[in-house]
Amino acid sequence: TAATRAVPLKAFESELGVQPPLGFWDPLGLLADADQEKFDRLRYVEIKHGRICMLAVLGQITTKAGIFLPGTIDYAGTKFSDVPTGFGAFSTISTAGIAQIVAFIGFLELVVMKDSANGAAPGEFPGDFRNGALDFGWDTFSEEEKAFKRGVELNNGRAAQMGILALMVHEELG
């Protein structure tokens, strides 16, 4: 019933990222019967996808502005500036080049970018990839500053996910 379904959702209404005007918003009901572990896993995935999308949007903006790496991308002499943005890159980059990119991303996913959600020692929060090695002053911030910065990253990631989706749709529609 609606009353029993609403009880578990209230458990996440005070989590980081819940804000006006939507408040806690779970239109697909992914957290209807979730515990804290499932919420943390979904939050980890949301942060990771947000970070990837922020890089993707930045890549689109940079290359559309005419800024490219110098040199060539392959032995055939294809310059980085000859590679189009978006889906068009797949027709320019060789299959071996795409395989190298996928292998590198797989390496990062399985070996480098780990947190407690995928086997590393527990971090301070889901998506904490410092792994005891990187800090850049994070430990000098107050708890309020940390929460604010994490909220900014979460919201920027959400915006970037919508932004890169819109750029991809725009590209395909022409």
C-alpha atoms as a PDB file:
ATOM      1  CA  THR A   1       0.000   0.000   0.000  1.00  0.00           C
ATOM      2  CA  ALA A   2       1.016   3.636  -0.302  1.00  0.00           C
ATOM      3  CA  ALA A   3       1.365   4.021   3.467  1.00  0.00           C
ATOM      4  CA  THR A   4       3.808   1.116   3.853  1.00  0.00           C
ATOM      5  CA  ARG A   5       5.763   2.187   0.797  1.00  0.00           C
ATOM      6  CA  ALA A   6       6.253   5.719   2.143  1.00  0.00           C
ATOM      7  CA  VAL A   7       7.909   4.565   5.368  1.00  0.00           C
ATOM      8  CA  PRO A   8      11.229   3.359   3.898  1.00  0.00           C
ATOM      9  CA  LEU A   9      11.511   6.417   1.645  1.00  0.00           C
ATOM     10  CA  LYS A  10      11.496   8.733   4.671  1.00  0.00           C
ATOM     11  CA  ALA A  11      14.751   7.098   5.773  1.00  0.00           C
ATOM     12  CA  PHE A  12      16.593   8.914   2.955  1.00  0.00           C
ATOM     13  CA  GLU A  13      14.874  12.310   3.112  1.00  0.00           C
ATOM     14  CA  SER A  14      17.734  13.825   5.123  1.00  0.00           C
ATOM     15  CA  GLU A  15      20.510  12.574   2.824  1.00  0.00           C
ATOM     16  CA  LEU A  16      22.874  14.878   0.961  1.00  0.00           C
ATOM     17  CA  GLY A  17      21.317  16.029  -2.310  1.00  0.00           C
ATOM     18  CA  VAL A  18      17.740  16.209  -1.053  1.00  0.00           C
ATOM     19  CA  GLN A  19      16.755  19.831  -1.630  1.00  0.00           C
ATOM     20  CA  PRO A  20      13.945  22.091  -2.804  1.00  0.00           C
ATOM     21  CA  PRO A  21      11.962  22.158  -4.965  1.00  0.00           C
ATOM     22  CA  LEU A  22      11.860  18.367  -5.450  1.00  0.00           C
ATOM     23  CA  GLY A  23      13.018  17.188  -2.041  1.00  0.00           C
ATOM     24  CA  PHE A  24      13.580  13.443  -2.034  1.00  0.00           C
ATOM     25  CA  TRP A  25      12.744  12.344  -5.573  1.00  0.00           C
ATOM     26  CA  ASP A  26      12.715   8.696  -6.582  1.00  0.00           C
ATOM     27  CA  PRO A  27      10.354   8.487  -9.572  1.00  0.00           C
ATOM     28  CA  LEU A  28      11.339   4.914 -10.463  1.00  0.00           C
ATOM     29  CA  GLY A  29      10.988   3.622  -6.909  1.00  0.00           C
ATOM     30  CA  LEU A  30      14.555   2.298  -6.812  1.00  0.00           C
ATOM     31  CA  LEU A  31      14.727   2.969  -3.089  1.00  0.00           C
ATOM     32  CA  ALA A  32      11.241   1.754  -2.178  1.00  0.00           C
ATOM     33  CA  ASP A  33      12.572  -1.275  -0.266  1.00  0.00           C
ATOM     34  CA  ALA A  34      16.203  -0.165   0.048  1.00  0.00           C
ATOM     35  CA  ASP A  35      18.500  -0.285   3.017  1.00  0.00           C
ATOM     36  CA  GLN A  36      21.458   2.027   3.646  1.00  0.00           C
ATOM     37  CA  GLU A  37      23.830  -0.284   1.747  1.00  0.00           C
ATOM     38  CA  LYS A  38      21.732  -0.120  -1.433  1.00  0.00           C
ATOM     39  CA  PHE A  39      21.361   3.652  -1.079  1.00  0.00           C
ATOM     40  CA  ASP A  40      25.156   4.037  -0.730  1.00  0.00           C
ATOM     41  CA  ARG A  41      25.728   1.864  -3.812  1.00  0.00           C
ATOM     42  CA  LEU A  42      23.275   3.920  -5.885  1.00  0.00           C
ATOM     43  CA  ARG A  43      24.813   7.166  -4.578  1.00  0.00           C
ATOM     44  CA  TYR A  44      28.288   5.871  -5.539  1.00  0.00           C
ATOM     45  CA  VAL A  45      27.027   5.141  -9.060  1.00  0.00           C
ATOM     46  CA  GLU A  46      25.338   8.561  -9.274  1.00  0.00           C
ATOM     47  CA  ILE A  47      28.539  10.349  -8.237  1.00  0.00           C
ATOM     48  CA  LYS A  48      30.683   8.301 -10.621  1.00  0.00           C
ATOM     49  CA  HIS A  49      28.382   8.905 -13.578  1.00  0.00           C
ATOM     50  CA  GLY A  50      28.186  12.574 -12.663  1.00  0.00           C
ATOM     51  CA  ARG A  51      31.989  12.848 -12.687  1.00  0.00           C
ATOM     52  CA  ILE A  52      32.206  11.099 -16.052  1.00  0.00           C
ATOM     53  CA  CYS A  53      29.524  13.388 -17.495  1.00  0.00           C
ATOM     54  CA  MET A  54      31.265  16.504 -16.174  1.00  0.00           C
ATOM     55  CA  LEU A  55      34.383  15.387 -18.061  1.00  0.00           C
ATOM     56  CA  ALA A  56      32.300  14.619 -21.163  1.00  0.00           C
ATOM     57  CA  VAL A  57      30.658  18.053 -21.175  1.00  0.00           C
ATOM     58  CA  LEU A  58      34.046  19.698 -20.667  1.00  0.00           C
ATOM     59  CA  GLY A  59      35.441  17.631 -23.551  1.00  0.00           C
ATOM     60  CA  GLN A  60      32.603  18.762 -25.804  1.00  0.00           C
ATOM     61  CA  ILE A  61      33.112  22.422 -24.870  1.00  0.00           C
ATOM     62  CA  THR A  62      36.891  22.249 -25.273  1.00  0.00           C
ATOM     63  CA  THR A  63      36.905  20.558 -28.664  1.00  0.00           C
ATOM     64  CA  LYS A  64      34.033  22.676 -30.014  1.00  0.00           C
ATOM     65  CA  ALA A  65      36.154  25.698 -29.035  1.00  0.00           C
ATOM     66  CA  GLY A  66      38.926  24.347 -31.288  1.00  0.00           C
ATOM     67  CA  ILE A  67      41.310  23.204 -28.567  1.00  0.00           C
ATOM     68  CA  PHE A  68      42.917  19.845 -29.385  1.00  0.00           C
ATOM     69  CA  LEU A  69      45.947  17.848 -28.309  1.00  0.00           C
ATOM     70  CA  PRO A  70      48.898  18.355 -30.645  1.00  0.00           C
ATOM     71  CA  GLY A  71      50.148  15.543 -32.848  1.00  0.00           C
ATOM     72  CA  THR A  72      48.531  12.435 -34.236  1.00  0.00           C
ATOM     73  CA  ILE A  73      46.255   9.835 -32.709  1.00  0.00           C
ATOM     74  CA  ASP A  74      47.489   6.896 -34.799  1.00  0.00           C
ATOM     75  CA  TYR A  75      50.349   5.748 -37.057  1.00  0.00           C
ATOM     76  CA  ALA A  76      48.285   6.605 -40.153  1.00  0.00           C
ATOM     77  CA  GLY A  77      48.765  10.290 -39.335  1.00  0.00           C
ATOM     78  CA  THR A  78      45.249  11.161 -38.175  1.00  0.00           C
ATOM     79  CA  LYS A  79      45.567  14.382 -36.187  1.00  0.00           C
ATOM     80  CA  PHE A  80      43.612  14.888 -32.992  1.00  0.00           C
ATOM     81  CA  SER A  81      42.052  17.923 -34.639  1.00  0.00           C
ATOM     82  CA  ASP A  82      40.656  15.644 -37.397  1.00  0.00           C
ATOM     83  CA  VAL A  83      38.620  13.622 -34.886  1.00  0.00           C
ATOM     84  CA  PRO A  84      35.072  14.973 -34.584  1.00  0.00           C
ATOM     85  CA  THR A  85      33.321  15.324 -31.257  1.00  0.00           C
ATOM     86  CA  GLY A  86      30.626  12.972 -30.047  1.00  0.00           C
ATOM     87  CA  PHE A  87      29.560   9.834 -31.859  1.00  0.00           C
ATOM     88  CA  GLY A  88      31.435  10.916 -34.989  1.00  0.00           C
ATOM     89  CA  ALA A  89      34.703  10.000 -33.272  1.00  0.00           C
ATOM     90  CA  PHE A  90      33.830   6.307 -33.520  1.00  0.00           C
ATOM     91  CA  SER A  91      34.029   6.471 -37.319  1.00  0.00           C
ATOM     92  CA  THR A  92      37.462   8.122 -37.181  1.00  0.00           C
ATOM     93  CA  ILE A  93      39.272   6.236 -34.419  1.00  0.00           C
ATOM     94  CA  SER A  94      40.389   2.729 -35.348  1.00  0.00           C
ATOM     95  CA  THR A  95      38.967  -0.356 -33.662  1.00  0.00           C
ATOM     96  CA  ALA A  96      42.330  -0.930 -31.949  1.00  0.00           C
ATOM     97  CA  GLY A  97      42.247   2.649 -30.639  1.00  0.00           C
ATOM     98  CA  ILE A  98      38.746   2.220 -29.244  1.00  0.00           C
ATOM     99  CA  ALA A  99      39.841  -1.086 -27.664  1.00  0.00           C
ATOM    100  CA  GLN A 100      42.744   0.734 -25.964  1.00  0.00           C
ATOM    101  CA  ILE A 101      40.383   3.372 -24.601  1.00  0.00           C
ATOM    102  CA  VAL A 102      37.992   0.710 -23.275  1.00  0.00           C
ATOM    103  CA  ALA A 103      40.900  -1.249 -21.722  1.00  0.00           C
ATOM    104  CA  PHE A 104      42.208   1.901 -20.017  1.00  0.00           C
ATOM    105  CA  ILE A 105      38.771   2.742 -18.632  1.00  0.00           C
ATOM    106  CA  GLY A 106      38.431  -0.862 -17.425  1.00  0.00           C
ATOM    107  CA  PHE A 107      41.812  -0.616 -15.691  1.00  0.00           C
ATOM    108  CA  LEU A 108      40.762   2.598 -13.953  1.00  0.00           C
ATOM    109  CA  GLU A 109      37.438   1.050 -12.921  1.00  0.00           C
ATOM    110  CA  LEU A 110      38.882  -2.198 -11.572  1.00  0.00           C
ATOM    111  CA  VAL A 111      42.208  -1.079 -10.101  1.00  0.00           C
ATOM    112  CA  VAL A 112      42.445   2.663  -9.477  1.00  0.00           C
ATOM    113  CA  MET A 113      39.015   4.199  -8.852  1.00  0.00           C
ATOM    114  CA  LYS A 114      37.880   2.063  -5.945  1.00  0.00           C
ATOM    115  CA  ASP A 115      35.903   2.866  -2.850  1.00  0.00           C
ATOM    116  CA  SER A 116      34.068   0.793  -0.273  1.00  0.00           C
ATOM    117  CA  ALA A 117      31.237   0.149  -2.738  1.00  0.00           C
ATOM    118  CA  ASN A 118      33.569  -1.918  -4.904  1.00  0.00           C
ATOM    119  CA  GLY A 119      36.102  -3.488  -2.579  1.00  0.00           C
ATOM    120  CA  ALA A 120      38.442  -0.793  -1.244  1.00  0.00           C
ATOM    121  CA  ALA A 121      38.809   0.166   2.380  1.00  0.00           C
ATOM    122  CA  PRO A 122      35.842   2.267   3.488  1.00  0.00           C
ATOM    123  CA  GLY A 123      36.222   5.934   2.691  1.00  0.00           C
ATOM    124  CA  GLU A 124      34.611   8.878   4.392  1.00  0.00           C
ATOM    125  CA  PHE A 125      31.597   8.772   2.016  1.00  0.00           C
ATOM    126  CA  PRO A 126      30.404   6.929  -1.127  1.00  0.00           C
ATOM    127  CA  GLY A 127      32.580   8.027  -4.045  1.00  0.00           C
ATOM    128  CA  ASP A 128      35.607   8.795  -1.839  1.00  0.00           C
ATOM    129  CA  PHE A 129      38.447   7.672  -4.122  1.00  0.00           C
ATOM    130  CA  ARG A 130      41.316   9.089  -2.080  1.00  0.00           C
ATOM    131  CA  ASN A 131      42.249   5.591  -0.860  1.00  0.00           C
ATOM    132  CA  GLY A 132      44.685   7.098   1.630  1.00  0.00           C
ATOM    133  CA  ALA A 133      46.820   8.553  -1.177  1.00  0.00           C
ATOM    134  CA  LEU A 134      45.227  11.778  -2.393  1.00  0.00           C
ATOM    135  CA  ASP A 135      43.920  14.533  -0.192  1.00  0.00           C
ATOM    136  CA  PHE A 136      44.430  18.029  -1.682  1.00  0.00           C
ATOM    137  CA  GLY A 137      43.430  19.590   1.640  1.00  0.00           C
ATOM    138  CA  TRP A 138      40.105  17.785   2.096  1.00  0.00           C
ATOM    139  CA  ASP A 139      40.898  16.984   5.732  1.00  0.00           C
ATOM    140  CA  THR A 140      41.380  20.705   6.496  1.00  0.00           C
ATOM    141  CA  PHE A 141      37.719  21.537   5.729  1.00  0.00           C
ATOM    142  CA  SER A 142      35.036  21.701   8.412  1.00  0.00           C
ATOM    143  CA  GLU A 143      32.182  19.207   8.276  1.00  0.00           C
ATOM    144  CA  GLU A 144      29.883  21.965   6.949  1.00  0.00           C
ATOM    145  CA  GLU A 145      32.347  22.806   4.136  1.00  0.00           C
ATOM    146  CA  LYS A 146      32.705  19.133   3.248  1.00  0.00           C
ATOM    147  CA  ALA A 147      28.922  18.687   3.059  1.00  0.00           C
ATOM    148  CA  PHE A 148      28.594  21.833   0.930  1.00  0.00           C
ATOM    149  CA  LYS A 149      31.342  20.733  -1.494  1.00  0.00           C
ATOM    150  CA  ARG A 150      29.886  17.234  -1.787  1.00  0.00           C
ATOM    151  CA  GLY A 151      26.452  18.738  -2.478  1.00  0.00           C
ATOM    152  CA  VAL A 152      27.911  21.012  -5.154  1.00  0.00           C
ATOM    153  CA  GLU A 153      29.634  18.039  -6.809  1.00  0.00           C
ATOM    154  CA  LEU A 154      26.445  15.975  -6.676  1.00  0.00           C
ATOM    155  CA  ASN A 155      24.332  18.748  -8.210  1.00  0.00           C
ATOM    156  CA  ASN A 156      26.938  19.602 -10.855  1.00  0.00           C
ATOM    157  CA  GLY A 157      27.082  15.907 -11.736  1.00  0.00           C
ATOM    158  CA  ARG A 158      23.314  15.755 -12.060  1.00  0.00           C
ATOM    159  CA  ALA A 159      23.346  18.820 -14.314  1.00  0.00           C
ATOM    160  CA  ALA A 160      26.182  17.356 -16.397  1.00  0.00           C
ATOM    161  CA  GLN A 161      24.270  14.095 -16.863  1.00  0.00           C
ATOM    162  CA  MET A 162      21.352  16.034 -18.305  1.00  0.00           C
ATOM    163  CA  GLY A 163      23.748  18.272 -20.264  1.00  0.00           C
ATOM    164  CA  ILE A 164      25.641  15.485 -22.017  1.00  0.00           C
ATOM    165  CA  LEU A 165      22.354  13.709 -22.753  1.00  0.00           C
ATOM    166  CA  ALA A 166      21.073  16.905 -24.386  1.00  0.00           C
ATOM    167  CA  LEU A 167      24.308  17.298 -26.377  1.00  0.00           C
ATOM    168  CA  MET A 168      24.049  13.696 -27.618  1.00  0.00           C
ATOM    169  CA  VAL A 169      20.388  14.140 -28.610  1.00  0.00           C
ATOM    170  CA  HIS A 170      21.220  17.417 -30.347  1.00  0.00           C
ATOM    171  CA  GLU A 171      24.059  15.748 -32.250  1.00  0.00           C
ATOM    172  CA  GLU A 172      21.834  12.918 -33.442  1.00  0.00           C
ATOM    173  CA  LEU A 173      18.986  15.229 -34.427  1.00  0.00           C
ATOM    174  CA  GLY A 174      21.420  17.361 -36.391  1.00  0.00           C
END
